[in-house]
């Protein structure tokens, strides 16, 4: 049998396995899955939520941890490129999405793709990479997603990789993770957890790409609440998601310090996706959410640090950080110095920072694509 015929036979076997799995939700795994990274179900994703360059799109549910460190289900999607897998399997790109919301209906695997993401990931898939896209625990699987929670986001990524490796899909042993905006925080969280604890069943992380990264959440968010702050209209939505996550974890430290408008708006944030939530703000700024914008809550900075902080000296793979110089969603004033600090703390890897002149928060993501493709070639091929 020729190599080509052998690979075709593998692909047919994989397809048959996937089709069989698509009709069965694996109830035994659902009943017994207590370990992280266990696959609970796999099925065919609605084509309306896929990419033109994906030959196969699958939805998965797997076990990870919630914000209270309890085993919990998480969902996501796997997109396979057209053609046969190369020897060793398709190289794997893990996509960590930006802010969509924190309610179940905001899960990216259950919504149409944005034009920006279609452009980006059609290029990635067309270049022969498989794409694994976790939703993050709490999006689409019940409960409330704990926004910018380092452990939730990081474990959602690592456990998705571990889970997909239990399927017959031929994937390479190495992977690179890409994230934009909130997703940039998620990939840094995953890389920090990986470096601190090892990859385990998700071993093989070989690079991190983060664009639109919020480098110091406690400082930048406090500035965002100031009465004189300016920036994108989305910031009121971001602020509400942070407050909703803190409120869910520590209600007494948040609820008493919200304005009347803020209490209603933060309640909406628990279920409304970003576009609708921002529209309901009626042009209000984050300062309108709290009674005292100079002190959003008495323990605000400490709570944000506990929620979103990650060890900055545990990176075990190269990191590329990109930003738009015209970003008003997450102003990048400290991004270059942050990259320098990471390099000083992680001498065994290479930290690169790329600026994209004139690009805003979203535009920097597309502008980074040529650099990202070069990064993938050097770290996965």
Protein backbone atom coordinates (compact mmCIF):
# COMPACT_ATOMS: atom_id res chain seq x y z
CA UNK A 1 0.00 0.00 0.00
CA UNK A 2 1.38 3.42 -0.94
CA UNK A 3 1.82 6.17 1.65
CA UNK A 4 -1.00 8.16 -0.02
CA UNK A 5 -3.37 5.17 0.05
CA UNK A 6 -2.48 4.51 3.68
CA UNK A 7 -3.28 8.11 4.64
CA UNK A 8 -6.58 7.94 2.75
CA UNK A 9 -7.48 4.79 4.67
CA UNK A 10 -6.71 6.54 7.96
CA UNK A 11 -8.86 9.51 6.99
CA UNK A 12 -11.79 7.25 6.04
CA UNK A 13 -11.48 5.43 9.36
CA UNK A 14 -11.39 8.72 11.25
CA UNK A 15 -14.45 9.99 9.37
CA UNK A 16 -16.38 6.82 10.15
CA UNK A 17 -15.44 7.09 13.80
CA UNK A 18 -16.55 10.71 13.91
CA UNK A 19 -19.86 9.94 12.20
CA UNK A 20 -20.55 7.17 14.67
CA UNK A 21 -19.70 9.43 17.57
CA UNK A 22 -21.89 12.17 16.18
CA UNK A 23 -25.02 10.15 16.86
CA UNK A 24 -24.04 9.10 20.39
CA UNK A 25 -23.27 11.45 23.26
CA UNK A 26 -21.19 8.87 25.17
CA UNK A 27 -23.36 8.72 28.31
CA UNK A 28 -20.91 6.51 30.19
CA UNK A 29 -18.27 9.25 29.96
CA UNK A 30 -20.81 11.80 31.14
CA UNK A 31 -21.65 9.69 34.15
CA UNK A 32 -18.08 8.95 35.21
CA UNK A 33 -15.91 11.86 34.03
CA UNK A 34 -14.27 13.32 37.10
CA UNK A 35 -10.79 13.83 35.73
CA UNK A 36 -9.91 16.94 33.77
CA UNK A 37 -9.64 16.69 30.01
CA UNK A 38 -12.13 13.84 29.59
CA UNK A 39 -14.22 13.89 26.40
CA UNK A 40 -17.94 13.77 27.19
CA UNK A 41 -19.50 14.06 23.75
CA UNK A 42 -18.63 14.80 20.14
CA UNK A 43 -20.89 15.65 17.22
CA UNK A 44 -21.16 17.50 13.93
CA UNK A 45 -21.26 21.29 14.25
CA UNK A 46 -23.93 23.31 12.49
CA UNK A 47 -22.30 24.34 9.15
CA UNK A 48 -23.64 27.88 9.66
CA UNK A 49 -21.18 28.26 12.55
CA UNK A 50 -18.16 26.93 10.68
CA UNK A 51 -15.60 28.28 8.19
CA UNK A 52 -15.54 27.92 4.41
CA UNK A 53 -12.06 26.35 4.52
CA UNK A 54 -13.06 23.72 7.10
CA UNK A 55 -13.68 20.30 5.60
CA UNK A 56 -15.12 19.02 8.90
CA UNK A 57 -16.44 20.95 11.90
CA UNK A 58 -17.12 19.14 15.16
CA UNK A 59 -18.63 20.23 18.46
CA UNK A 60 -17.24 18.77 21.66
CA UNK A 61 -18.09 18.72 25.35
CA UNK A 62 -15.36 17.82 27.82
CA UNK A 63 -14.56 18.03 31.53
CA UNK A 64 -12.62 20.89 33.05
CA UNK A 65 -12.86 23.04 36.22
CA UNK A 66 -15.24 25.84 37.13
CA UNK A 67 -14.44 28.95 39.18
CA UNK A 68 -14.72 26.95 42.40
CA UNK A 69 -12.30 24.26 41.20
CA UNK A 70 -15.07 21.69 40.81
CA UNK A 71 -15.26 19.37 37.77
CA UNK A 72 -17.59 20.93 35.20
CA UNK A 73 -18.46 20.52 31.52
CA UNK A 74 -17.13 22.86 28.84
CA UNK A 75 -17.88 23.05 25.13
CA UNK A 76 -15.91 23.94 22.04
CA UNK A 77 -15.37 23.21 18.37
CA UNK A 78 -12.76 21.51 16.21
CA UNK A 79 -12.27 22.57 12.57
CA UNK A 80 -10.26 20.34 10.23
CA UNK A 81 -8.65 21.60 7.02
CA UNK A 82 -9.39 20.22 3.59
CA UNK A 83 -7.31 17.38 2.19
CA UNK A 84 -5.46 14.54 3.85
CA UNK A 85 -3.56 14.91 7.12
CA UNK A 86 0.21 15.09 6.74
CA UNK A 87 2.43 12.46 8.27
CA UNK A 88 2.23 12.93 12.03
CA UNK A 89 -1.21 14.54 11.86
CA UNK A 90 -2.51 18.03 11.22
CA UNK A 91 -0.57 20.71 13.12
CA UNK A 92 -2.87 22.11 15.79
CA UNK A 93 -3.76 25.74 16.44
CA UNK A 94 -5.87 26.44 19.54
CA UNK A 95 -8.02 29.59 19.25
CA UNK A 96 -8.96 31.53 22.39
CA UNK A 97 -11.80 33.92 21.57
CA UNK A 98 -12.24 37.51 22.70
CA UNK A 99 -15.09 38.95 24.74
CA UNK A 100 -18.45 37.60 23.61
CA UNK A 101 -20.35 37.66 26.91
CA UNK A 102 -20.66 35.46 29.98
CA UNK A 103 -24.08 33.86 29.40
CA UNK A 104 -24.72 30.51 27.73
CA UNK A 105 -26.13 32.06 24.55
CA UNK A 106 -22.80 33.83 23.97
CA UNK A 107 -20.80 30.61 23.41
CA UNK A 108 -18.83 31.19 20.17
CA UNK A 109 -19.25 27.59 18.98
CA UNK A 110 -23.01 28.18 18.82
CA UNK A 111 -23.02 31.46 16.91
CA UNK A 112 -22.10 32.55 13.37
CA UNK A 113 -18.49 33.58 12.91
CA UNK A 114 -17.64 37.27 12.51
CA UNK A 115 -16.26 38.43 9.17
CA UNK A 116 -12.95 39.21 10.86
CA UNK A 117 -12.65 35.70 12.28
CA UNK A 118 -13.71 34.16 8.96
CA UNK A 119 -10.92 36.01 7.18
CA UNK A 120 -8.32 35.04 9.76
CA UNK A 121 -9.18 31.38 10.25
CA UNK A 122 -9.93 30.62 6.62
CA UNK A 123 -6.27 31.58 6.08
CA UNK A 124 -5.18 29.37 8.98
CA UNK A 125 -7.25 26.39 7.80
CA UNK A 126 -6.25 26.99 4.19
CA UNK A 127 -2.62 26.77 5.28
CA UNK A 128 -3.22 23.24 6.55
CA UNK A 129 -3.72 23.77 10.28
CA UNK A 130 -6.49 22.22 12.39
CA UNK A 131 -8.21 24.72 14.71
CA UNK A 132 -9.51 23.83 18.18
CA UNK A 133 -11.72 26.55 19.70
CA UNK A 134 -12.78 26.18 23.37
CA UNK A 135 -15.79 28.24 24.49
CA UNK A 136 -14.45 28.53 28.11
CA UNK A 137 -16.25 26.76 30.93
CA UNK A 138 -19.64 28.31 31.71
CA UNK A 139 -20.35 29.42 28.15
CA UNK A 140 -22.92 27.09 26.62
CA UNK A 141 -22.86 24.47 29.37
CA UNK A 142 -24.85 26.04 32.18
CA UNK A 143 -23.78 28.30 35.00
CA UNK A 144 -22.06 31.65 34.54
CA UNK A 145 -18.70 32.06 32.87
CA UNK A 146 -16.19 33.65 35.25
CA UNK A 147 -14.83 36.39 32.99
CA UNK A 148 -11.03 36.81 32.93
CA UNK A 149 -10.68 34.05 35.50
CA UNK A 150 -7.14 32.75 34.97
CA UNK A 151 -7.83 29.20 36.14
CA UNK A 152 -11.11 28.86 34.23
CA UNK A 153 -9.73 30.18 30.95
CA UNK A 154 -6.39 28.43 31.23
CA UNK A 155 -7.80 25.05 32.21
CA UNK A 156 -10.51 25.31 29.53
CA UNK A 157 -7.74 25.51 26.92
CA UNK A 158 -5.45 22.83 28.34
CA UNK A 159 -8.30 20.39 29.00
CA UNK A 160 -9.73 20.91 25.50
CA UNK A 161 -6.39 19.83 24.04
CA UNK A 162 -6.27 16.79 26.32
CA UNK A 163 -9.85 15.84 25.42
CA UNK A 164 -9.44 16.12 21.65
CA UNK A 165 -6.43 13.84 21.82
CA UNK A 166 -8.69 11.01 22.97
CA UNK A 167 -10.45 11.05 19.59
CA UNK A 168 -9.18 9.26 16.44
CA UNK A 169 -8.53 12.60 14.70
CA UNK A 170 -4.88 12.64 13.55
CA UNK A 171 -3.30 15.71 15.17
CA UNK A 172 0.36 16.55 15.66
CA UNK A 173 1.95 16.31 19.09
CA UNK A 174 2.82 20.04 19.11
CA UNK A 175 0.39 22.92 19.29
CA UNK A 176 0.33 26.72 19.32
CA UNK A 177 -2.33 28.84 21.02
CA UNK A 178 -3.64 32.13 19.58
CA UNK A 179 -5.81 34.64 21.46
CA UNK A 180 -7.22 38.11 20.85
CA UNK A 181 -8.36 40.56 23.58
CA UNK A 182 -9.87 38.47 26.39
CA UNK A 183 -8.47 35.53 24.45
CA UNK A 184 -4.99 37.04 24.79
CA UNK A 185 -5.41 36.86 28.56
CA UNK A 186 -6.69 33.29 28.20
CA UNK A 187 -3.66 32.11 26.22
CA UNK A 188 -1.26 33.74 28.66
CA UNK A 189 -3.16 32.07 31.50
CA UNK A 190 -2.95 28.69 29.78
CA UNK A 191 0.77 29.11 29.08
CA UNK A 192 1.48 30.17 32.66
CA UNK A 193 -0.46 27.19 34.06
CA UNK A 194 1.32 24.91 31.60
CA UNK A 195 4.71 26.22 32.66
CA UNK A 196 3.90 25.93 36.35
CA UNK A 197 2.30 22.49 36.33
CA UNK A 198 3.42 20.79 33.13
CA UNK A 199 1.24 19.89 30.18
CA UNK A 200 0.20 16.40 31.22
CA UNK A 201 -2.20 15.10 28.59
CA UNK A 202 -1.97 18.49 26.86
CA UNK A 203 1.82 18.32 26.47
CA UNK A 204 3.37 19.89 23.39
CA UNK A 205 2.59 23.60 23.73
CA UNK A 206 5.21 25.18 21.52
CA UNK A 207 4.19 28.81 21.16
CA UNK A 208 1.80 31.59 22.20
CA UNK A 209 0.37 34.44 20.10
CA UNK A 210 -1.52 37.16 22.00
CA UNK A 211 -2.98 40.31 20.43
CA UNK A 212 -4.85 43.08 22.25
CA UNK A 213 -3.51 41.89 25.61
CA UNK A 214 -4.59 43.69 28.79
CA UNK A 215 -1.20 43.66 30.49
CA UNK A 216 -2.23 45.01 33.92
CA UNK A 217 -5.96 44.43 34.48
CA UNK A 218 -6.23 45.89 37.98
CA UNK A 219 -4.58 49.18 36.93
CA UNK A 220 -6.20 49.59 33.50
CA UNK A 221 -9.67 48.76 34.79
CA UNK A 222 -9.44 51.21 37.67
CA UNK A 223 -8.47 53.89 35.14
CA UNK A 224 -11.39 52.87 32.94
CA UNK A 225 -13.84 53.61 35.77
CA UNK A 226 -12.61 57.19 36.20
CA UNK A 227 -15.15 59.92 35.37
CA UNK A 228 -12.77 61.46 32.85
CA UNK A 229 -11.85 58.20 31.09
CA UNK A 230 -12.34 57.90 27.35
CA UNK A 231 -12.21 54.91 25.08
CA UNK A 232 -14.33 52.54 23.05
CA UNK A 233 -18.04 52.20 23.84
CA UNK A 234 -17.42 48.49 24.50
CA UNK A 235 -15.63 49.38 27.73
CA UNK A 236 -18.88 49.66 29.66
CA UNK A 237 -19.64 46.08 28.65
CA UNK A 238 -16.19 44.87 29.67
CA UNK A 239 -16.55 46.62 33.03
CA UNK A 240 -19.95 45.02 33.64
CA UNK A 241 -18.61 41.54 32.89
CA UNK A 242 -15.77 42.04 35.36
CA UNK A 243 -18.19 43.26 38.02
CA UNK A 244 -20.60 40.40 37.33
CA UNK A 245 -17.80 37.86 37.75
CA UNK A 246 -16.60 39.44 40.98
CA UNK A 247 -20.19 39.66 42.21
CA UNK A 248 -20.75 35.98 41.49
CA UNK A 249 -17.66 35.08 43.50
CA UNK A 250 -17.94 37.71 46.27
CA UNK A 251 -21.39 39.38 46.21
CA UNK A 252 -20.90 41.40 49.41
CA UNK A 253 -17.78 43.01 47.98
CA UNK A 254 -19.56 44.29 44.85
CA UNK A 255 -23.34 44.68 45.12
CA UNK A 256 -23.43 47.36 47.87
CA UNK A 257 -21.13 49.61 45.85
CA UNK A 258 -23.04 49.63 42.55
CA UNK A 259 -25.21 52.51 41.41
CA UNK A 260 -28.91 51.91 40.75
CA UNK A 261 -28.14 51.74 37.06
CA UNK A 262 -25.15 49.50 37.77
CA UNK A 263 -27.17 46.91 39.69
CA UNK A 264 -29.62 46.55 36.82
CA UNK A 265 -26.87 46.58 34.19
CA UNK A 266 -24.65 44.02 35.93
CA UNK A 267 -27.68 41.76 36.22
CA UNK A 268 -28.19 42.10 32.44
CA UNK A 269 -24.50 41.31 31.91
CA UNK A 270 -25.00 37.80 33.30
CA UNK A 271 -27.07 36.86 30.25
CA UNK A 272 -26.63 39.45 27.48
CA UNK A 273 -23.90 39.19 24.86
CA UNK A 274 -21.57 42.11 24.28
CA UNK A 275 -23.33 43.90 21.41
CA UNK A 276 -26.74 43.92 23.09
CA UNK A 277 -25.28 44.80 26.47
CA UNK A 278 -23.37 47.82 25.11
CA UNK A 279 -26.48 49.02 23.28
CA UNK A 280 -28.44 48.96 26.55
CA UNK A 281 -25.87 51.27 28.17
CA UNK A 282 -27.21 54.16 26.11
CA UNK A 283 -23.76 55.69 25.78
CA UNK A 284 -22.95 55.56 29.50
CA UNK A 285 -19.35 55.05 30.59
CA UNK A 286 -18.08 52.50 33.16
CA UNK A 287 -18.18 55.20 35.87
CA UNK A 288 -22.00 55.04 35.73
CA UNK A 289 -21.93 51.49 37.09
CA UNK A 290 -20.62 52.34 40.55
CA UNK A 291 -21.50 54.79 43.29
CA UNK A 292 -17.92 56.06 43.59
CA UNK A 293 -15.85 55.90 40.36
CA UNK A 294 -12.72 56.78 42.33
CA UNK A 295 -13.15 53.55 44.29
CA UNK A 296 -15.30 51.08 42.29
CA UNK A 297 -15.28 48.70 45.27
CA UNK A 298 -13.15 48.79 48.45
CA UNK A 299 -11.15 45.72 47.38
CA UNK A 300 -11.34 46.22 43.61
CA UNK A 301 -7.66 45.99 42.69
CA UNK A 302 -6.98 43.01 44.98
CA UNK A 303 -10.05 41.17 43.68
CA UNK A 304 -9.13 41.78 40.03
CA UNK A 305 -5.57 40.61 40.68
CA UNK A 306 -6.83 37.44 42.34
CA UNK A 307 -9.24 36.83 39.44
CA UNK A 308 -6.98 37.62 36.48
CA UNK A 309 -3.40 37.34 37.71
CA UNK A 310 -1.04 34.62 36.51
CA UNK A 311 2.62 33.82 37.25
CA UNK A 312 4.73 35.79 34.78
CA UNK A 313 7.93 33.79 35.24
CA UNK A 314 6.72 30.32 34.19
CA UNK A 315 6.56 30.53 30.40
CA UNK A 316 8.03 27.47 28.72
CA UNK A 317 7.46 28.43 25.06
CA UNK A 318 8.02 31.44 22.81
CA UNK A 319 5.48 34.27 22.99
CA UNK A 320 4.51 36.82 20.33
CA UNK A 321 2.49 39.81 21.60
CA UNK A 322 0.83 42.16 19.10
CA UNK A 323 -1.03 45.43 19.52
CA UNK A 324 -2.57 48.22 17.47
CA UNK A 325 -1.22 51.68 18.14
CA UNK A 326 -4.76 53.08 17.78
CA UNK A 327 -6.35 50.61 20.23
CA UNK A 328 -8.84 52.45 22.48
CA UNK A 329 -10.51 49.30 23.84
CA UNK A 330 -7.37 48.10 25.63
CA UNK A 331 -4.84 50.96 25.40
CA UNK A 332 -1.36 49.49 24.80
CA UNK A 333 0.76 52.15 26.55
CA UNK A 334 2.58 49.55 28.66
CA UNK A 335 2.69 46.63 26.21
CA UNK A 336 6.31 47.13 25.11
CA UNK A 337 7.57 47.40 28.68
CA UNK A 338 5.49 44.36 29.63
CA UNK A 339 7.17 42.35 26.88
CA UNK A 340 10.58 43.44 28.16
CA UNK A 341 9.65 42.38 31.69
CA UNK A 342 8.46 38.97 30.50
CA UNK A 343 11.73 38.47 28.64
CA UNK A 344 13.73 39.29 31.75
CA UNK A 345 11.68 36.81 33.77
CA UNK A 346 11.76 34.05 31.15
CA UNK A 347 15.27 33.90 29.74
CA UNK A 348 14.80 30.42 28.27
CA UNK A 349 12.22 31.51 25.69
CA UNK A 350 11.91 34.30 23.14
CA UNK A 351 9.36 37.08 23.77
CA UNK A 352 8.52 39.24 20.74
CA UNK A 353 6.32 42.36 20.71
CA UNK A 354 4.87 43.64 17.42
CA UNK A 355 3.20 47.03 16.96
CA UNK A 356 0.71 47.55 14.12
CA UNK A 357 0.63 51.27 13.34
CA UNK A 358 -2.80 52.86 13.00
CA UNK A 359 -4.67 49.66 13.83
CA UNK A 360 -7.41 49.56 16.45
CA UNK A 361 -8.17 46.74 18.87
CA UNK A 362 -9.81 44.46 16.32
CA UNK A 363 -7.77 45.60 13.34
CA UNK A 364 -4.51 44.58 14.99
CA UNK A 365 -5.69 40.97 14.99
CA UNK A 366 -6.01 40.84 11.22
CA UNK A 367 -2.85 42.90 10.76
CA UNK A 368 -0.95 40.32 12.80
CA UNK A 369 -1.88 37.42 10.52
CA UNK A 370 1.31 37.43 8.35
CA UNK A 371 3.45 37.42 11.49
CA UNK A 372 1.23 34.71 12.99
CA UNK A 373 1.62 32.50 9.91
CA UNK A 374 5.40 32.90 10.06
CA UNK A 375 5.29 32.03 13.77
CA UNK A 376 3.22 28.92 13.08
CA UNK A 377 5.60 27.75 10.36
CA UNK A 378 8.59 28.07 12.66
CA UNK A 379 6.91 26.50 15.69
CA UNK A 380 4.76 23.76 14.18
CA UNK A 381 6.30 22.65 10.90
